[in-house]
Amino acid sequence: MILDEVKIYLPKYLSTDSEKELYDSLRKFPHNMDSRLYTDFLKDSDVIYQGDGLKDMLVVNLPDKTMKPAKSIILSNTCDIDPANKRNFPSRIVYAPIIELDKYRKTILSNSKKNPQQIESHIDAIKKQEITQVFYLPSLGDKLKDSIVFLDRVCNLPNEAVEREKVTERRVFTLSDYGSYLFLLKLSIHFTRIQDQVERKSLV
């Protein structure tokens, strides 16, 4: 990261202390992938925030039609899924399942032709947030083991399917300012890279 450039895009609503904490965390990136990605400041809120981890979200991995509940991370913008934000069409919550990193490691050890050293190098790149379509989630005590999210494995369900009065029971984590900033960067890089080197022109 070029920190002088990053500082221009820091959120403007943060207090001086929070802005300094975020900037210091970004300055230490990627050597601080730990509990600093999370916060308990919003633990009693019944709002679903972008980047929240919620348990018991229904996940399907097409073409297999089997659905099962799983911990998932919310991709939707906080405002878009706020029930108070009335729309002419119903909003849906977009999310992606959370996968334990050890399970992923065992899967690629079994199925990949790469040697163990190459696989551990790949895992290290994941932990440094270097893989564009993967977001790494460090462990959070008993709530969460080291995990990953594939940003191209997306599910959705109706907004009202998640009862807001039960959000605090289902919440596994909420991202801190630092964690949220990294999450938005990964989403932006994965979904909105403008330099795809394709000249498209127009019809006229």
Protein backbone atom coordinates (compact mmCIF):
# COMPACT_ATOMS: atom_id res chain seq x y z
CA MET A 1 0.00 0.00 0.00
CA ILE A 2 1.11 3.57 -0.71
CA LEU A 3 -0.09 4.99 2.59
CA ASP A 4 -0.12 8.65 1.59
CA GLU A 5 -2.55 7.74 -1.20
CA VAL A 6 -4.59 5.43 1.03
CA LYS A 7 -5.01 8.18 3.62
CA ILE A 8 -6.96 10.25 1.06
CA TYR A 9 -9.62 7.53 0.96
CA LEU A 10 -9.98 6.92 4.68
CA PRO A 11 -13.57 7.32 5.96
CA LYS A 12 -14.30 10.94 6.89
CA TYR A 13 -16.79 10.10 9.66
CA LEU A 14 -14.23 8.53 12.03
CA SER A 15 -13.10 10.20 15.23
CA THR A 16 -9.49 11.33 15.39
CA ASP A 17 -8.56 8.32 17.55
CA SER A 18 -10.33 5.83 15.26
CA GLU A 19 -8.74 7.35 12.16
CA LYS A 20 -5.29 7.08 13.75
CA GLU A 21 -5.97 3.47 14.76
CA LEU A 22 -7.07 2.59 11.24
CA TYR A 23 -4.08 4.32 9.66
CA ASP A 24 -1.66 2.59 12.06
CA SER A 25 -3.24 -0.78 11.28
CA LEU A 26 -2.95 -0.19 7.52
CA ARG A 27 0.67 0.84 7.98
CA LYS A 28 1.41 -2.56 9.57
CA PHE A 29 -0.47 -4.52 6.88
CA PRO A 30 -0.11 -7.45 6.11
CA HIS A 31 1.72 -8.43 9.28
CA ASN A 32 -1.26 -7.81 11.56
CA MET A 33 -3.84 -10.27 10.32
CA ASP A 34 -5.26 -10.98 13.77
CA SER A 35 -8.13 -10.01 16.06
CA ARG A 36 -7.67 -6.36 15.03
CA LEU A 37 -9.92 -7.19 12.07
CA TYR A 38 -12.86 -7.45 14.48
CA THR A 39 -14.73 -5.26 16.94
CA ASP A 40 -17.13 -5.80 19.84
CA PHE A 41 -18.20 -2.16 19.78
CA LEU A 42 -21.40 -3.03 17.85
CA LYS A 43 -22.12 -6.42 19.46
CA ASP A 44 -25.51 -5.35 20.87
CA SER A 45 -26.76 -3.80 17.62
CA ASP A 46 -29.57 -5.51 15.70
CA VAL A 47 -28.32 -3.99 12.44
CA ILE A 48 -26.73 -6.32 9.87
CA TYR A 49 -23.50 -4.64 8.79
CA GLN A 50 -21.59 -5.27 5.58
CA GLY A 51 -18.85 -7.74 6.52
CA ASP A 52 -20.77 -9.25 9.44
CA GLY A 53 -20.33 -12.95 10.02
CA LEU A 54 -23.68 -14.65 10.65
CA LYS A 55 -24.33 -18.30 11.41
CA ASP A 56 -27.10 -20.47 9.97
CA MET A 57 -27.26 -18.79 6.57
CA LEU A 58 -28.58 -21.16 3.90
CA VAL A 59 -25.87 -22.05 1.39
CA VAL A 60 -26.17 -23.88 -1.91
CA ASN A 61 -23.30 -24.86 -4.17
CA LEU A 62 -24.86 -25.23 -7.62
CA PRO A 63 -25.36 -27.40 -9.59
CA ASP A 64 -25.76 -29.42 -6.37
CA LYS A 65 -29.19 -28.30 -5.13
CA THR A 66 -28.60 -29.36 -1.53
CA MET A 67 -29.00 -26.48 0.91
CA LYS A 68 -27.36 -26.38 4.30
CA PRO A 69 -26.86 -23.75 7.02
CA ALA A 70 -23.37 -22.32 7.35
CA LYS A 71 -21.47 -19.38 8.76
CA SER A 72 -21.37 -16.69 6.09
CA ILE A 73 -20.12 -13.16 5.56
CA ILE A 74 -22.47 -10.41 4.41
CA LEU A 75 -21.53 -8.79 1.09
CA SER A 76 -24.55 -6.46 0.85
CA ASN A 77 -24.15 -2.81 1.69
CA THR A 78 -25.44 -2.01 5.19
CA CYS A 79 -27.90 0.63 3.95
CA ASP A 80 -29.29 -1.56 1.15
CA ILE A 81 -30.50 -4.21 3.59
CA ASP A 82 -31.68 -1.86 6.33
CA PRO A 83 -35.43 -2.61 6.75
CA ALA A 84 -35.99 1.10 7.41
CA ASN A 85 -34.80 1.85 3.88
CA LYS A 86 -38.09 1.44 2.00
CA ARG A 87 -37.83 0.51 -1.70
CA ASN A 88 -40.15 -0.14 -4.63
CA PHE A 89 -38.72 -3.65 -4.81
CA PRO A 90 -37.71 -6.10 -2.07
CA SER A 91 -34.03 -6.18 -1.14
CA ARG A 92 -32.15 -9.44 -0.81
CA ILE A 93 -29.18 -10.18 1.42
CA VAL A 94 -26.08 -11.22 -0.53
CA TYR A 95 -23.50 -13.32 1.30
CA ALA A 96 -20.78 -15.92 0.86
CA PRO A 97 -20.04 -18.98 3.00
CA ILE A 98 -17.12 -19.04 5.41
CA ILE A 99 -14.80 -22.03 5.07
CA GLU A 100 -12.32 -23.16 7.72
CA LEU A 101 -8.78 -22.77 6.44
CA ASP A 102 -7.64 -26.18 7.73
CA LYS A 103 -10.44 -27.90 5.78
CA TYR A 104 -9.38 -26.03 2.65
CA ARG A 105 -5.73 -26.99 3.25
CA LYS A 106 -6.66 -30.68 3.60
CA THR A 107 -8.75 -30.52 0.43
CA ILE A 108 -5.96 -29.11 -1.70
CA LEU A 109 -3.43 -31.49 -0.12
CA SER A 110 -5.64 -34.37 -1.26
CA ASN A 111 -6.57 -33.03 -4.70
CA SER A 112 -3.71 -30.82 -5.82
CA LYS A 113 -0.57 -31.88 -7.67
CA LYS A 114 1.39 -29.22 -5.82
CA ASN A 115 3.86 -30.32 -3.16
CA PRO A 116 3.32 -29.41 0.53
CA GLN A 117 5.78 -26.50 0.31
CA GLN A 118 3.90 -24.97 -2.61
CA ILE A 119 0.62 -25.39 -0.78
CA GLU A 120 1.95 -23.72 2.36
CA SER A 121 3.21 -20.86 0.18
CA HIS A 122 -0.32 -20.56 -1.20
CA ILE A 123 -1.78 -20.55 2.34
CA ASP A 124 0.70 -17.85 3.34
CA ALA A 125 -0.41 -15.72 0.37
CA ILE A 126 -4.02 -16.14 1.50
CA LYS A 127 -3.14 -14.99 5.02
CA LYS A 128 -1.49 -11.90 3.55
CA GLN A 129 -4.68 -11.12 1.56
CA GLU A 130 -2.75 -11.51 -1.71
CA ILE A 131 -5.28 -13.77 -3.46
CA THR A 132 -7.80 -11.44 -5.13
CA GLN A 133 -10.89 -13.66 -4.87
CA VAL A 134 -10.24 -14.85 -1.30
CA PHE A 135 -10.76 -12.91 1.92
CA TYR A 136 -8.86 -14.28 4.92
CA LEU A 137 -10.50 -14.24 8.35
CA PRO A 138 -8.12 -14.80 11.28
CA SER A 139 -9.28 -16.84 14.25
CA LEU A 140 -11.46 -15.27 16.90
CA GLY A 141 -11.25 -17.55 19.91
CA ASP A 142 -14.05 -20.09 20.19
CA LYS A 143 -16.23 -18.17 17.74
CA LEU A 144 -14.15 -18.68 14.61
CA LYS A 145 -11.16 -20.71 13.49
CA ASP A 146 -8.80 -19.38 10.80
CA SER A 147 -11.13 -19.18 7.81
CA ILE A 148 -11.52 -17.94 4.26
CA VAL A 149 -14.26 -16.62 2.02
CA PHE A 150 -14.33 -17.19 -1.72
CA LEU A 151 -15.83 -13.99 -3.11
CA ASP A 152 -17.03 -15.83 -6.23
CA ARG A 153 -19.25 -18.24 -4.26
CA VAL A 154 -22.20 -15.98 -3.59
CA CYS A 155 -25.68 -16.76 -2.27
CA ASN A 156 -28.71 -14.58 -1.52
CA LEU A 157 -32.00 -14.72 0.34
CA PRO A 158 -34.89 -12.35 1.10
CA ASN A 159 -34.07 -9.54 3.50
CA GLU A 160 -36.87 -10.51 5.86
CA ALA A 161 -35.53 -14.08 6.13
CA VAL A 162 -33.09 -12.87 8.78
CA GLU A 163 -35.08 -11.65 11.78
CA ARG A 164 -33.40 -8.54 13.10
CA GLU A 165 -34.38 -9.32 16.71
CA LYS A 166 -32.23 -12.46 16.44
CA VAL A 167 -29.21 -10.88 14.77
CA THR A 168 -27.20 -10.62 18.00
CA GLU A 169 -27.70 -14.37 18.56
CA ARG A 170 -26.58 -15.24 15.05
CA ARG A 171 -23.67 -12.81 14.78
CA VAL A 172 -20.26 -14.46 14.82
CA PHE A 173 -18.28 -11.25 14.32
CA THR A 174 -18.42 -7.68 13.12
CA LEU A 175 -15.45 -6.24 11.24
CA SER A 176 -13.56 -3.33 12.77
CA ASP A 177 -12.79 -0.16 10.81
CA TYR A 178 -9.56 -1.86 9.72
CA GLY A 179 -11.24 -5.16 8.84
CA SER A 180 -14.06 -3.40 7.00
CA TYR A 181 -11.60 -1.30 4.99
CA LEU A 182 -9.66 -4.41 3.92
CA PHE A 183 -12.92 -6.19 3.07
CA LEU A 184 -14.06 -3.31 0.86
CA LEU A 185 -10.68 -3.27 -0.87
CA LYS A 186 -10.93 -7.00 -1.61
CA LEU A 187 -14.51 -6.62 -2.88
CA SER A 188 -13.46 -3.73 -5.09
CA ILE A 189 -10.47 -5.58 -6.51
CA HIS A 190 -12.46 -8.75 -7.14
CA PHE A 191 -15.61 -7.25 -8.63
CA THR A 192 -14.69 -3.87 -10.10
CA ARG A 193 -11.25 -3.91 -11.68
CA ILE A 194 -11.61 -1.49 -14.56
CA GLN A 195 -8.34 -2.38 -16.26
CA ASP A 196 -9.44 -5.62 -17.93
CA GLN A 197 -7.51 -4.58 -21.07
CA VAL A 198 -10.54 -5.06 -23.32
CA GLU A 199 -11.47 -2.33 -25.78
CA ARG A 200 -15.26 -2.41 -25.99
CA LYS A 201 -16.33 0.66 -28.01
CA SER A 202 -20.09 1.36 -28.40
CA LEU A 203 -22.93 0.86 -30.87
CA VAL A 204 -22.78 4.43 -32.18
